[in-house]
Protein backbone atom coordinates (compact mmCIF):
# COMPACT_ATOMS: atom_id res chain seq x y z
CA MET A 1 4.49 3.73 25.03
CA SER A 2 5.19 0.31 26.35
CA SER A 3 8.67 -1.14 25.89
CA SER A 4 7.45 -4.69 26.41
CA GLY A 5 7.67 -7.42 23.81
CA SER A 6 10.38 -7.59 21.20
CA SER A 7 11.29 -3.92 21.65
CA SER A 8 12.93 -4.71 25.00
CA LYS A 9 15.61 -6.81 23.23
CA ILE A 10 17.13 -4.18 20.97
CA PRO A 11 20.94 -4.35 20.64
CA PRO A 12 22.96 -1.11 20.54
CA VAL A 13 23.86 0.09 17.08
CA VAL A 14 27.50 0.04 15.98
CA ALA A 15 29.61 1.93 13.45
CA ASN A 16 31.29 0.13 10.52
CA TYR A 17 28.46 -2.36 10.21
CA THR A 18 28.38 -5.37 7.90
CA ALA A 19 24.87 -6.21 6.72
CA LYS A 20 23.48 -9.63 7.68
CA GLY A 21 20.59 -9.86 5.24
CA GLU A 22 20.42 -11.06 1.68
CA ARG A 23 20.14 -9.39 -1.71
CA GLY A 24 17.61 -10.60 -4.19
CA LYS A 25 14.93 -9.41 -6.60
CA LEU A 26 11.21 -8.82 -6.68
CA GLY A 27 10.38 -8.74 -10.34
CA ASP A 28 12.93 -6.39 -11.90
CA ILE A 29 13.84 -4.51 -8.73
CA ASP A 30 16.77 -5.30 -6.42
CA CYS A 31 15.84 -5.71 -2.75
CA TYR A 32 17.40 -6.25 0.65
CA PHE A 33 15.73 -9.00 2.70
CA THR A 34 16.32 -9.69 6.37
CA GLY A 35 14.60 -11.38 9.29
CA LYS A 36 12.61 -14.58 9.31
CA LYS A 37 10.74 -15.33 6.13
CA GLY A 38 7.35 -16.66 7.11
CA SER A 39 6.96 -14.30 10.06
CA LYS A 40 3.46 -12.97 10.60
CA ARG A 41 4.96 -9.50 11.01
CA GLY A 42 6.20 -7.83 7.81
CA ILE A 43 7.84 -4.44 7.29
CA PHE A 44 8.43 -2.58 4.04
CA VAL A 45 11.29 -0.07 4.29
CA ASN A 46 11.67 3.04 2.12
CA TYR A 47 15.23 4.35 2.37
CA ASP A 48 16.15 8.04 2.09
CA ALA A 49 17.29 9.93 -0.99
CA PHE A 50 20.83 8.55 -0.71
CA ARG A 51 19.69 4.95 -1.22
CA TYR A 52 21.23 1.94 0.52
CA HIS A 53 23.67 2.49 3.39
CA PRO A 54 25.03 0.30 6.23
CA ASN A 55 23.03 2.37 8.74
CA VAL A 56 19.77 1.54 6.98
CA PHE A 57 20.75 -2.13 6.67
CA GLN A 58 21.53 -2.24 10.38
CA ILE A 59 18.12 -0.90 11.34
CA CYS A 60 16.50 -3.42 8.99
CA ASP A 61 18.58 -6.23 10.54
CA ILE A 62 17.65 -5.18 14.08
CA LEU A 63 13.96 -5.21 13.20
CA GLY A 64 14.47 -8.58 11.54
CA SER A 65 16.08 -9.91 14.72
CA LEU A 66 12.97 -8.82 16.64
CA GLY A 67 10.73 -11.16 14.67
CA HIS A 68 9.84 -9.14 11.58
CA TYR A 69 10.42 -10.10 7.98
CA VAL A 70 11.79 -6.98 6.33
CA VAL A 71 12.12 -6.01 2.67
CA ALA A 72 13.84 -2.83 1.50
CA PRO A 73 13.61 -2.39 -2.29
CA ASP A 74 16.07 -0.31 -4.28
CA LEU A 75 13.44 2.16 -5.43
CA PHE A 76 15.98 4.22 -7.39
CA ARG A 77 17.28 1.19 -9.25
CA GLY A 78 20.90 2.00 -8.47
CA GLU A 79 20.73 5.73 -9.19
CA PRO A 80 20.42 7.71 -5.92
CA LEU A 81 20.61 11.45 -5.49
CA THR A 82 23.95 13.06 -4.72
CA MET A 83 24.80 15.85 -2.29
CA GLU A 84 25.19 18.13 -5.30
CA ASP A 85 21.64 17.29 -6.42
CA LEU A 86 20.23 18.47 -3.11
CA GLY A 87 21.42 22.01 -3.86
CA ASN A 88 20.19 21.94 -7.45
CA PRO A 89 16.53 23.00 -7.87
CA VAL A 90 16.39 21.53 -11.39
CA ALA A 91 17.74 18.15 -10.25
CA MET A 92 15.38 18.09 -7.24
CA GLY A 93 12.39 19.02 -9.35
CA LYS A 94 13.17 16.24 -11.80
CA PHE A 95 13.63 13.80 -8.91
CA MET A 96 10.30 14.66 -7.29
CA GLN A 97 8.49 14.29 -10.60
CA ASN A 98 10.11 10.99 -11.51
CA SER A 99 11.91 8.48 -9.25
CA GLY A 100 10.94 10.41 -6.11
CA SER A 101 7.22 10.56 -6.86
CA TRP A 102 4.49 8.45 -5.29
CA ASN A 103 3.26 7.39 -8.74
CA THR A 104 6.67 5.85 -9.44
CA SER A 105 6.99 4.25 -6.00
CA LYS A 106 3.42 2.96 -5.67
CA PRO A 107 3.83 -0.19 -7.83
CA ASN A 108 6.91 -1.14 -5.80
CA TYR A 109 5.00 -0.68 -2.54
CA VAL A 110 2.15 -2.83 -3.85
CA GLN A 111 4.59 -5.50 -5.02
CA GLY A 112 6.62 -5.50 -1.80
CA ILE A 113 3.61 -5.60 0.49
CA GLU A 114 2.04 -8.39 -1.57
CA TYR A 115 5.33 -10.32 -1.35
CA LEU A 116 5.39 -9.97 2.45
CA ARG A 117 1.80 -11.20 2.69
CA ASN A 118 2.48 -14.11 0.35
CA SER A 119 5.49 -14.95 2.52
CA GLY A 120 3.26 -15.34 5.58
CA ALA A 121 2.84 -11.85 7.02
CA THR A 122 -0.64 -11.22 8.39
CA SER A 123 0.32 -7.68 9.48
CA VAL A 124 2.43 -5.34 7.34
CA GLY A 125 3.81 -1.95 8.33
CA VAL A 126 5.89 0.61 6.47
CA ILE A 127 8.91 2.70 7.47
CA GLY A 128 10.30 5.69 5.62
CA PHE A 129 13.41 7.81 6.16
CA CYS A 130 13.58 11.50 5.14
CA TRP A 131 12.13 11.71 1.59
CA GLY A 132 11.00 8.11 2.09
CA GLY A 133 8.97 9.29 5.08
CA LYS A 134 6.77 11.35 2.79
CA VAL A 135 6.31 8.38 0.46
CA ALA A 136 5.58 5.98 3.34
CA LEU A 137 3.04 8.45 4.73
CA THR A 138 1.38 8.63 1.31
CA SER A 139 1.06 4.84 1.32
CA LEU A 140 -1.07 5.19 4.47
CA GLN A 141 -3.39 7.41 2.43
CA GLU A 142 -3.48 5.41 -0.78
CA LEU A 143 -3.17 1.71 0.09
CA ASP A 144 -5.43 -0.54 2.13
CA GLY A 145 -4.39 -3.06 4.73
CA ILE A 146 -1.23 -1.41 6.12
CA VAL A 147 -1.37 -1.59 9.92
CA GLY A 148 0.69 1.57 10.41
CA GLY A 149 3.70 3.57 9.37
CA ALA A 150 6.80 5.02 11.03
CA ILE A 151 8.47 8.04 9.47
CA ILE A 152 11.96 8.94 10.67
CA HIS A 153 13.28 12.51 10.23
CA PRO A 154 10.64 12.90 7.49
CA ALA A 155 10.90 15.52 4.74
CA ARG A 156 8.31 17.30 2.59
CA VAL A 157 5.36 16.41 4.83
CA THR A 158 2.71 19.15 4.81
CA SER A 159 -0.17 20.05 7.09
CA ASP A 160 -2.60 18.78 4.45
CA ASP A 161 -1.27 15.23 4.71
CA PHE A 162 -2.76 14.34 8.09
CA ALA A 163 -6.46 14.42 7.20
CA LYS A 164 -5.92 11.72 4.55
CA ILE A 165 -4.06 9.17 6.68
CA ASN A 166 -5.96 5.90 7.22
CA ALA A 167 -3.72 4.07 9.72
CA PRO A 168 -1.67 4.79 12.85
CA LEU A 169 1.43 6.94 12.38
CA LEU A 170 4.65 7.23 14.37
CA ALA A 171 6.54 10.41 13.45
CA LEU A 172 10.04 11.38 14.60
CA PRO A 173 10.54 14.96 13.31
CA TYR A 174 13.96 16.53 13.47
CA ASN A 175 13.40 20.31 13.66
CA ASP A 176 11.24 22.75 15.58
CA VAL A 177 9.28 23.94 12.55
CA ASP A 178 8.28 20.41 11.57
CA LEU A 179 7.57 19.53 15.19
CA GLU A 180 5.02 22.32 15.52
CA MET A 181 3.38 21.32 12.23
CA PHE A 182 3.24 17.69 13.38
CA LYS A 183 1.71 18.68 16.73
CA LYS A 184 -1.15 20.37 14.90
CA GLY A 185 -1.48 17.40 12.55
CA TYR A 186 -1.64 15.02 15.47
CA GLU A 187 -4.57 16.95 16.88
CA GLU A 188 -6.37 15.88 13.69
CA LEU A 189 -5.15 12.30 14.00
CA GLY A 190 -6.35 12.19 17.59
CA THR A 191 -9.95 12.45 16.39
CA ARG A 192 -9.63 9.37 14.18
CA PRO A 193 -10.61 5.83 15.31
CA PHE A 194 -6.92 4.85 15.39
CA GLY A 195 -5.78 8.09 17.02
CA ALA A 196 -4.80 6.46 20.31
CA LYS A 197 -2.27 4.33 18.44
CA CYS A 198 -0.45 7.31 16.90
CA ARG A 199 2.82 8.51 18.40
CA LEU A 200 4.87 11.69 17.99
CA GLU A 201 8.38 12.02 19.43
CA SER A 202 10.82 14.91 19.01
CA PHE A 203 14.36 14.43 17.74
CA VAL A 204 15.22 18.11 17.31
CA ASP A 205 18.45 17.62 19.27
CA VAL A 206 20.20 15.63 16.52
CA VAL A 207 21.35 16.27 12.96
CA TYR A 208 18.97 15.74 10.08
CA GLY A 209 19.35 12.24 8.70
CA PHE A 210 20.86 10.83 11.91
CA CYS A 211 19.34 7.38 11.31
CA GLY A 212 20.52 7.26 7.72
CA PRO A 213 23.73 7.90 5.79
CA ARG A 214 24.29 11.29 7.45
CA GLY A 215 24.39 9.76 10.93
CA ASP A 216 27.84 9.25 12.49
CA TRP A 217 27.14 6.26 14.68
CA SER A 218 30.67 6.28 16.08
CA ASP A 219 29.48 9.31 18.07
CA PRO A 220 27.96 7.91 21.31
CA ALA A 221 25.42 10.73 21.52
CA ILE A 222 24.15 10.07 17.99
CA ALA A 223 24.18 6.29 18.51
CA LYS A 224 22.06 6.69 21.65
CA ARG A 225 19.43 8.69 19.81
CA VAL A 226 19.41 6.14 16.99
CA ASN A 227 18.70 3.42 19.55
CA ASP A 228 15.98 5.61 21.04
CA ALA A 229 14.40 5.86 17.60
CA ILE A 230 14.61 2.11 16.97
CA GLN A 231 13.09 1.46 20.40
CA LEU A 232 10.14 3.70 19.52
CA VAL A 233 9.66 2.07 16.11
CA ALA A 234 9.82 -1.45 17.55
CA ALA A 235 7.39 -0.63 20.35
CA PHE A 236 5.02 1.06 17.89
CA PHE A 237 4.84 -2.05 15.72
CA ASP A 238 4.65 -4.32 18.77
CA ASP A 239 1.46 -2.45 19.64
CA LEU A 240 0.02 -2.93 16.15
CA MET A 241 1.12 -6.43 15.22
CA PRO A 242 0.24 -9.67 17.02
CA ASN A 243 3.16 -11.92 17.91
């Protein structure tokens, strides 16, 4: 993958970050906006199950500084999961059927992508973290006009998902089991017209959630891998979106 274009200008991530973007609303949903409004390159960001976090804002801000206009809606409307919920099958089942479902998220995707296009974006991509990776991947199956999606330490992706994808995919899996499943899925993607644009990179050497709230970016080893991930995401969208 080429590192030319905006992806060659990525700053190193830092701990204890203060977000540079702005808060606002799209309809009744709170959103985080960053980057240059009016850019031809738009990105819709789906956070992980723990909602907003300075790490997620920092990645959004970096992508905004590279020429994208980025919107990250608060899909949970202020009510994220907790660590206790993750170990509770009843709570997780309720989450996946309600606020964590594609049917619940789809209208927000449609609204956010339409907003980016109305703001000047001629190319729109999606990014999802963990649970949000599954939802972002589903958007590549269900919605038209998305140029591609990047899923970072994705969760709940299955082997059946790959045949339905309609746009290039960058996947950064975090464990060996998922990596093997993704390798087989990418064999399927390789037969599609956009297969040459798809990318798969392993991050099995770092903790799950390293780019989100679980990532300790004061650890130089973790911070380096976060920057590696951002570099891959930026280069992926550079390849898909005209300047």
